[in-house]
Amino acid sequence: MTITLPDDPALTEMGETEILLDLACGAYAAGHVSRGVAARMAGLERQAFDQTLHERRIPSYDEERWAQDLETLRVLRSL
């Protein structure tokens, strides 16, 4: 995929890496993509992307995931 941005000095100062990271974080925060997809968008390993989310105070663990984890634990305990 190719994205064309306006030729603006502010964007030039940011650089491609920072723009991709901002786009990936925004897409993840908006719920458009998973953490894995967002990490690939940013060109980062999953752990590095998780650290970036933490630094930017973007939640990466919500109530739905918590409920899924609890259900998984219940199933595992019953085995």
PDB file of N, CA and C in Angstrom:
ATOM      1  N   MET A   1       0.847  -1.168   0.000  1.00  0.00           N
ATOM      2  CA  MET A   1       0.000   0.000   0.000  1.00  0.00           C
ATOM      3  C   MET A   1       0.896   1.235   0.000  1.00  0.00           C
ATOM      4  N   THR A   2       0.508   2.206  -0.765  1.00  0.00           N
ATOM      5  CA  THR A   2       1.230   3.466  -0.805  1.00  0.00           C
ATOM      6  C   THR A   2       0.306   4.573  -0.338  1.00  0.00           C
ATOM      7  N   ILE A   3       0.806   5.399   0.562  1.00  0.00           N
ATOM      8  CA  ILE A   3       0.051   6.547   1.053  1.00  0.00           C
ATOM      9  C   ILE A   3       0.806   7.796   0.643  1.00  0.00           C
ATOM     10  N   THR A   4       0.107   8.733   0.045  1.00  0.00           N
ATOM     11  CA  THR A   4       0.721   9.985  -0.372  1.00  0.00           C
ATOM     12  C   THR A   4       0.295  11.076   0.590  1.00  0.00           C
ATOM     13  N   LEU A   5       1.267  11.733   1.169  1.00  0.00           N
ATOM     14  CA  LEU A   5       1.004  12.823   2.107  1.00  0.00           C
ATOM     15  C   LEU A   5       1.369  14.146   1.449  1.00  0.00           C
ATOM     16  N   PRO A   6       0.763  15.232   1.911  1.00  0.00           N
ATOM     17  CA  PRO A   6       1.106  16.528   1.338  1.00  0.00           C
ATOM     18  C   PRO A   6       2.565  16.884   1.622  1.00  0.00           C
ATOM     19  N   ASP A   7       3.142  17.625   0.719  1.00  0.00           N
ATOM     20  CA  ASP A   7       4.528  18.061   0.878  1.00  0.00           C
ATOM     21  C   ASP A   7       4.547  19.238   1.847  1.00  0.00           C
ATOM     22  N   ASP A   8       4.594  18.923   3.129  1.00  0.00           N
ATOM     23  CA  ASP A   8       4.517  19.929   4.184  1.00  0.00           C
ATOM     24  C   ASP A   8       5.766  19.854   5.039  1.00  0.00           C
ATOM     25  N   PRO A   9       6.381  20.991   5.369  1.00  0.00           N
ATOM     26  CA  PRO A   9       7.612  20.981   6.172  1.00  0.00           C
ATOM     27  C   PRO A   9       7.467  20.243   7.508  1.00  0.00           C
ATOM     28  N   ALA A  10       6.299  20.336   8.125  1.00  0.00           N
ATOM     29  CA  ALA A  10       6.108  19.659   9.416  1.00  0.00           C
ATOM     30  C   ALA A  10       6.231  18.150   9.257  1.00  0.00           C
ATOM     31  N   LEU A  11       5.701  17.619   8.165  1.00  0.00           N
ATOM     32  CA  LEU A  11       5.797  16.185   7.922  1.00  0.00           C
ATOM     33  C   LEU A  11       7.217  15.776   7.577  1.00  0.00           C
ATOM     34  N   THR A  12       7.910  16.621   6.850  1.00  0.00           N
ATOM     35  CA  THR A  12       9.293  16.336   6.495  1.00  0.00           C
ATOM     36  C   THR A  12      10.156  16.255   7.745  1.00  0.00           C
ATOM     37  N   GLU A  13       9.898  17.141   8.695  1.00  0.00           N
ATOM     38  CA  GLU A  13      10.663  17.136   9.953  1.00  0.00           C
ATOM     39  C   GLU A  13      10.412  15.873  10.760  1.00  0.00           C
ATOM     40  N   MET A  14       9.202  15.337  10.673  1.00  0.00           N
ATOM     41  CA  MET A  14       8.873  14.128  11.428  1.00  0.00           C
ATOM     42  C   MET A  14       9.634  12.922  10.900  1.00  0.00           C
ATOM     43  N   GLY A  15       9.668  12.757   9.626  1.00  0.00           N
ATOM     44  CA  GLY A  15      10.324  11.592   9.050  1.00  0.00           C
ATOM     45  C   GLY A  15       9.375  10.423   8.925  1.00  0.00           C
ATOM     46  N   GLU A  16       9.705   9.526   8.015  1.00  0.00           N
ATOM     47  CA  GLU A  16       8.843   8.396   7.695  1.00  0.00           C
ATOM     48  C   GLU A  16       8.606   7.469   8.885  1.00  0.00           C
ATOM     49  N   THR A  17       9.651   7.198   9.654  1.00  0.00           N
ATOM     50  CA  THR A  17       9.534   6.268  10.785  1.00  0.00           C
ATOM     51  C   THR A  17       8.531   6.780  11.818  1.00  0.00           C
ATOM     52  N   GLU A  18       8.636   8.057  12.150  1.00  0.00           N
ATOM     53  CA  GLU A  18       7.733   8.630  13.151  1.00  0.00           C
ATOM     54  C   GLU A  18       6.301   8.701  12.631  1.00  0.00           C
ATOM     55  N   ILE A  19       6.136   9.015  11.353  1.00  0.00           N
ATOM     56  CA  ILE A  19       4.797   9.063  10.764  1.00  0.00           C
ATOM     57  C   ILE A  19       4.163   7.678  10.785  1.00  0.00           C
ATOM     58  N   LEU A  20       4.917   6.651  10.399  1.00  0.00           N
ATOM     59  CA  LEU A  20       4.385   5.285  10.419  1.00  0.00           C
ATOM     60  C   LEU A  20       4.004   4.860  11.827  1.00  0.00           C
ATOM     61  N   LEU A  21       4.819   5.217  12.812  1.00  0.00           N
ATOM     62  CA  LEU A  21       4.519   4.874  14.200  1.00  0.00           C
ATOM     63  C   LEU A  21       3.241   5.570  14.660  1.00  0.00           C
ATOM     64  N   ASP A  22       3.107   6.859  14.324  1.00  0.00           N
ATOM     65  CA  ASP A  22       1.898   7.588  14.700  1.00  0.00           C
ATOM     66  C   ASP A  22       0.656   6.986  14.041  1.00  0.00           C
ATOM     67  N   LEU A  23       0.772   6.640  12.771  1.00  0.00           N
ATOM     68  CA  LEU A  23      -0.355   6.021  12.075  1.00  0.00           C
ATOM     69  C   LEU A  23      -0.723   4.679  12.704  1.00  0.00           C
ATOM     70  N   ALA A  24       0.275   3.877  13.022  1.00  0.00           N
ATOM     71  CA  ALA A  24       0.030   2.567  13.619  1.00  0.00           C
ATOM     72  C   ALA A  24      -0.625   2.702  14.993  1.00  0.00           C
ATOM     73  N   CYS A  25      -0.116   3.605  15.813  1.00  0.00           N
ATOM     74  CA  CYS A  25      -0.703   3.810  17.145  1.00  0.00           C
ATOM     75  C   CYS A  25      -2.136   4.313  17.037  1.00  0.00           C
ATOM     76  N   GLY A  26      -2.370   5.245  16.125  1.00  0.00           N
ATOM     77  CA  GLY A  26      -3.714   5.778  15.940  1.00  0.00           C
ATOM     78  C   GLY A  26      -4.687   4.725  15.443  1.00  0.00           C
ATOM     79  N   ALA A  27      -4.244   3.913  14.487  1.00  0.00           N
ATOM     80  CA  ALA A  27      -5.112   2.853  13.954  1.00  0.00           C
ATOM     81  C   ALA A  27      -5.436   1.828  15.034  1.00  0.00           C
ATOM     82  N   TYR A  28      -4.448   1.490  15.872  1.00  0.00           N
ATOM     83  CA  TYR A  28      -4.691   0.552  16.966  1.00  0.00           C
ATOM     84  C   TYR A  28      -5.640   1.170  17.998  1.00  0.00           C
ATOM     85  N   ALA A  29      -5.357   2.406  18.406  1.00  0.00           N
ATOM     86  CA  ALA A  29      -6.177   3.062  19.432  1.00  0.00           C
ATOM     87  C   ALA A  29      -7.632   3.216  18.981  1.00  0.00           C
ATOM     88  N   ALA A  30      -7.842   3.404  17.681  1.00  0.00           N
ATOM     89  CA  ALA A  30      -9.197   3.547  17.150  1.00  0.00           C
ATOM     90  C   ALA A  30      -9.895   2.207  16.965  1.00  0.00           C
ATOM     91  N   GLY A  31      -9.154   1.118  17.165  1.00  0.00           N
ATOM     92  CA  GLY A  31      -9.746  -0.208  17.036  1.00  0.00           C
ATOM     93  C   GLY A  31      -9.815  -0.712  15.606  1.00  0.00           C
ATOM     94  N   HIS A  32      -9.081  -0.079  14.703  1.00  0.00           N
ATOM     95  CA  HIS A  32      -9.108  -0.493  13.298  1.00  0.00           C
ATOM     96  C   HIS A  32      -8.239  -1.707  13.021  1.00  0.00           C
ATOM     97  N   VAL A  33      -7.165  -1.875  13.799  1.00  0.00           N
ATOM     98  CA  VAL A  33      -6.242  -2.991  13.584  1.00  0.00           C
ATOM     99  C   VAL A  33      -5.835  -3.578  14.932  1.00  0.00           C
ATOM    100  N   SER A  34      -5.355  -4.806  14.901  1.00  0.00           N
ATOM    101  CA  SER A  34      -4.864  -5.473  16.110  1.00  0.00           C
ATOM    102  C   SER A  34      -3.474  -4.931  16.462  1.00  0.00           C
ATOM    103  N   ARG A  35      -2.996  -5.299  17.639  1.00  0.00           N
ATOM    104  CA  ARG A  35      -1.635  -4.889  18.031  1.00  0.00           C
ATOM    105  C   ARG A  35      -0.599  -5.460  17.087  1.00  0.00           C
ATOM    106  N   GLY A  36      -0.787  -6.695  16.661  1.00  0.00           N
ATOM    107  CA  GLY A  36       0.167  -7.325  15.753  1.00  0.00           C
ATOM    108  C   GLY A  36       0.253  -6.595  14.424  1.00  0.00           C
ATOM    109  N   VAL A  37      -0.904  -6.269  13.851  1.00  0.00           N
ATOM    110  CA  VAL A  37      -0.925  -5.542  12.580  1.00  0.00           C
ATOM    111  C   VAL A  37      -0.306  -4.161  12.766  1.00  0.00           C
ATOM    112  N   ALA A  38      -0.660  -3.491  13.854  1.00  0.00           N
ATOM    113  CA  ALA A  38      -0.114  -2.156  14.113  1.00  0.00           C
ATOM    114  C   ALA A  38       1.405  -2.203  14.277  1.00  0.00           C
ATOM    115  N   ALA A  39       1.898  -3.228  14.960  1.00  0.00           N
ATOM    116  CA  ALA A  39       3.349  -3.365  15.131  1.00  0.00           C
ATOM    117  C   ALA A  39       4.026  -3.519  13.773  1.00  0.00           C
ATOM    118  N   ARG A  40       3.434  -4.328  12.895  1.00  0.00           N
ATOM    119  CA  ARG A  40       4.001  -4.482  11.550  1.00  0.00           C
ATOM    120  C   ARG A  40       3.930  -3.181  10.767  1.00  0.00           C
ATOM    121  N   MET A  41       2.836  -2.444  10.918  1.00  0.00           N
ATOM    122  CA  MET A  41       2.727  -1.139  10.244  1.00  0.00           C
ATOM    123  C   MET A  41       3.873  -0.226  10.654  1.00  0.00           C
ATOM    124  N   ALA A  42       4.198  -0.271  11.941  1.00  0.00           N
ATOM    125  CA  ALA A  42       5.247   0.596  12.483  1.00  0.00           C
ATOM    126  C   ALA A  42       6.646   0.054  12.225  1.00  0.00           C
ATOM    127  N   GLY A  43       6.723  -1.201  11.774  1.00  0.00           N
ATOM    128  CA  GLY A  43       8.026  -1.808  11.544  1.00  0.00           C
ATOM    129  C   GLY A  43       8.731  -2.196  12.826  1.00  0.00           C
ATOM    130  N   LEU A  44       7.936  -2.531  13.857  1.00  0.00           N
ATOM    131  CA  LEU A  44       8.495  -2.876  15.167  1.00  0.00           C
ATOM    132  C   LEU A  44       8.147  -4.308  15.547  1.00  0.00           C
ATOM    133  N   GLU A  45       8.967  -4.893  16.401  1.00  0.00           N
ATOM    134  CA  GLU A  45       8.627  -6.162  17.032  1.00  0.00           C
ATOM    135  C   GLU A  45       7.476  -5.892  17.994  1.00  0.00           C
ATOM    136  N   ARG A  46       6.723  -6.927  18.298  1.00  0.00           N
ATOM    137  CA  ARG A  46       5.531  -6.775  19.145  1.00  0.00           C
ATOM    138  C   ARG A  46       5.856  -6.154  20.498  1.00  0.00           C
ATOM    139  N   GLN A  47       6.931  -6.600  21.140  1.00  0.00           N
ATOM    140  CA  GLN A  47       7.288  -6.055  22.461  1.00  0.00           C
ATOM    141  C   GLN A  47       7.620  -4.573  22.387  1.00  0.00           C
ATOM    142  N   ALA A  48       8.354  -4.175  21.362  1.00  0.00           N
ATOM    143  CA  ALA A  48       8.716  -2.763  21.196  1.00  0.00           C
ATOM    144  C   ALA A  48       7.467  -1.920  20.954  1.00  0.00           C
ATOM    145  N   PHE A  49       6.517  -2.465  20.178  1.00  0.00           N
ATOM    146  CA  PHE A  49       5.280  -1.733  19.947  1.00  0.00           C
ATOM    147  C   PHE A  49       4.467  -1.629  21.233  1.00  0.00           C
ATOM    148  N   ASP A  50       4.407  -2.712  22.007  1.00  0.00           N
ATOM    149  CA  ASP A  50       3.705  -2.666  23.293  1.00  0.00           C
ATOM    150  C   ASP A  50       4.316  -1.605  24.201  1.00  0.00           C
ATOM    151  N   GLN A  51       5.638  -1.504  24.203  1.00  0.00           N
ATOM    152  CA  GLN A  51       6.314  -0.482  25.008  1.00  0.00           C
ATOM    153  C   GLN A  51       5.928   0.914  24.529  1.00  0.00           C
ATOM    154  N   THR A  52       5.841   1.100  23.229  1.00  0.00           N
ATOM    155  CA  THR A  52       5.438   2.395  22.675  1.00  0.00           C
ATOM    156  C   THR A  52       4.018   2.741  23.096  1.00  0.00           C
ATOM    157  N   LEU A  53       3.110   1.745  23.042  1.00  0.00           N
ATOM    158  CA  LEU A  53       1.745   1.992  23.498  1.00  0.00           C
ATOM    159  C   LEU A  53       1.742   2.427  24.957  1.00  0.00           C
ATOM    160  N   HIS A  54       2.522   1.748  25.781  1.00  0.00           N
ATOM    161  CA  HIS A  54       2.607   2.101  27.199  1.00  0.00           C
ATOM    162  C   HIS A  54       3.119   3.531  27.373  1.00  0.00           C
ATOM    163  N   GLU A  55       4.186   3.872  26.658  1.00  0.00           N
ATOM    164  CA  GLU A  55       4.763   5.220  26.760  1.00  0.00           C
ATOM    165  C   GLU A  55       3.767   6.295  26.328  1.00  0.00           C
ATOM    166  N   ARG A  56       2.936   5.972  25.354  1.00  0.00           N
ATOM    167  CA  ARG A  56       1.954   6.932  24.857  1.00  0.00           C
ATOM    168  C   ARG A  56       0.634   6.848  25.617  1.00  0.00           C
ATOM    169  N   ARG A  57       0.588   5.991  26.623  1.00  0.00           N
ATOM    170  CA  ARG A  57      -0.597   5.802  27.465  1.00  0.00           C
ATOM    171  C   ARG A  57      -1.817   5.370  26.660  1.00  0.00           C
ATOM    172  N   ILE A  58      -1.559   4.489  25.693  1.00  0.00           N
ATOM    173  CA  ILE A  58      -2.630   3.901  24.893  1.00  0.00           C
ATOM    174  C   ILE A  58      -2.902   2.520  25.476  1.00  0.00           C
ATOM    175  N   PRO A  59      -4.099   2.305  26.008  1.00  0.00           N
ATOM    176  CA  PRO A  59      -4.400   1.014  26.628  1.00  0.00           C
ATOM    177  C   PRO A  59      -4.277  -0.129  25.628  1.00  0.00           C
ATOM    178  N   SER A  60      -3.667  -1.215  26.081  1.00  0.00           N
ATOM    179  CA  SER A  60      -3.545  -2.373  25.212  1.00  0.00           C
ATOM    180  C   SER A  60      -4.175  -3.608  25.847  1.00  0.00           C
ATOM    181  N   TYR A  61      -4.812  -3.422  26.968  1.00  0.00           N
ATOM    182  CA  TYR A  61      -5.467  -4.531  27.662  1.00  0.00           C
ATOM    183  C   TYR A  61      -6.791  -3.995  28.184  1.00  0.00           C
ATOM    184  N   ASP A  62      -7.894  -4.488  27.658  1.00  0.00           N
ATOM    185  CA  ASP A  62      -9.196  -3.957  28.027  1.00  0.00           C
ATOM    186  C   ASP A  62     -10.031  -5.005  28.766  1.00  0.00           C
ATOM    187  N   GLU A  63     -11.227  -4.614  29.140  1.00  0.00           N
ATOM    188  CA  GLU A  63     -12.106  -5.507  29.899  1.00  0.00           C
ATOM    189  C   GLU A  63     -12.472  -6.757  29.103  1.00  0.00           C
ATOM    190  N   GLU A  64     -12.633  -6.608  27.802  1.00  0.00           N
ATOM    191  CA  GLU A  64     -12.973  -7.763  26.978  1.00  0.00           C
ATOM    192  C   GLU A  64     -11.849  -8.797  27.002  1.00  0.00           C
ATOM    193  N   ARG A  65     -10.613  -8.341  26.888  1.00  0.00           N
ATOM    194  CA  ARG A  65      -9.485  -9.272  26.956  1.00  0.00           C
ATOM    195  C   ARG A  65      -9.385  -9.896  28.351  1.00  0.00           C
ATOM    196  N   TRP A  66      -9.648  -9.096  29.368  1.00  0.00           N
ATOM    197  CA  TRP A  66      -9.629  -9.602  30.737  1.00  0.00           C
ATOM    198  C   TRP A  66     -10.648 -10.731  30.883  1.00  0.00           C
ATOM    199  N   ALA A  67     -11.857 -10.528  30.362  1.00  0.00           N
ATOM    200  CA  ALA A  67     -12.897 -11.553  30.448  1.00  0.00           C
ATOM    201  C   ALA A  67     -12.486 -12.809  29.675  1.00  0.00           C
ATOM    202  N   GLN A  68     -11.871 -12.630  28.515  1.00  0.00           N
ATOM    203  CA  GLN A  68     -11.402 -13.780  27.746  1.00  0.00           C
ATOM    204  C   GLN A  68     -10.332 -14.551  28.513  1.00  0.00           C
ATOM    205  N   ASP A  69      -9.419 -13.826  29.139  1.00  0.00           N
ATOM    206  CA  ASP A  69      -8.371 -14.483  29.919  1.00  0.00           C
ATOM    207  C   ASP A  69      -8.951 -15.237  31.105  1.00  0.00           C
ATOM    208  N   LEU A  70      -9.922 -14.645  31.777  1.00  0.00           N
ATOM    209  CA  LEU A  70     -10.565 -15.328  32.902  1.00  0.00           C
ATOM    210  C   LEU A  70     -11.252 -16.610  32.442  1.00  0.00           C
ATOM    211  N   GLU A  71     -11.937 -16.546  31.304  1.00  0.00           N
ATOM    212  CA  GLU A  71     -12.601 -17.737  30.781  1.00  0.00           C
ATOM    213  C   GLU A  71     -11.578 -18.807  30.429  1.00  0.00           C
ATOM    214  N   THR A  72     -10.470 -18.411  29.849  1.00  0.00           N
ATOM    215  CA  THR A  72      -9.403 -19.375  29.518  1.00  0.00           C
ATOM    216  C   THR A  72      -8.882 -20.047  30.782  1.00  0.00           C
ATOM    217  N   LEU A  73      -8.693 -19.271  31.843  1.00  0.00           N
ATOM    218  CA  LEU A  73      -8.241 -19.843  33.114  1.00  0.00           C
ATOM    219  C   LEU A  73      -9.245 -20.823  33.686  1.00  0.00           C
ATOM    220  N   ARG A  74     -10.545 -20.484  33.593  1.00  0.00           N
ATOM    221  CA  ARG A  74     -11.581 -21.389  34.079  1.00  0.00           C
ATOM    222  C   ARG A  74     -11.538 -22.720  33.322  1.00  0.00           C
ATOM    223  N   VAL A  75     -11.388 -22.639  32.007  1.00  0.00           N
ATOM    224  CA  VAL A  75     -11.334 -23.854  31.190  1.00  0.00           C
ATOM    225  C   VAL A  75     -10.108 -24.676  31.550  1.00  0.00           C
ATOM    226  N   LEU A  76      -8.968 -24.027  31.688  1.00  0.00           N
ATOM    227  CA  LEU A  76      -7.733 -24.743  32.017  1.00  0.00           C
ATOM    228  C   LEU A  76      -7.803 -25.396  33.386  1.00  0.00           C
ATOM    229  N   ARG A  77      -8.451 -24.753  34.339  1.00  0.00           N
ATOM    230  CA  ARG A  77      -8.580 -25.337  35.693  1.00  0.00           C
ATOM    231  C   ARG A  77      -9.447 -26.580  35.674  1.00  0.00           C
ATOM    232  N   SER A  78     -10.408 -26.609  34.759  1.00  0.00           N
ATOM    233  CA  SER A  78     -11.317 -27.767  34.718  1.00  0.00           C
ATOM    234  C   SER A  78     -10.731 -28.974  34.015  1.00  0.00           C
ATOM    235  N   LEU A  79      -9.570 -28.823  33.412  1.00  0.00           N
ATOM    236  CA  LEU A  79      -8.945 -29.963  32.705  1.00  0.00           C
ATOM    237  C   LEU A  79      -8.286 -30.931  33.652  1.00  0.00           C
TER     238      LEU A  79
END
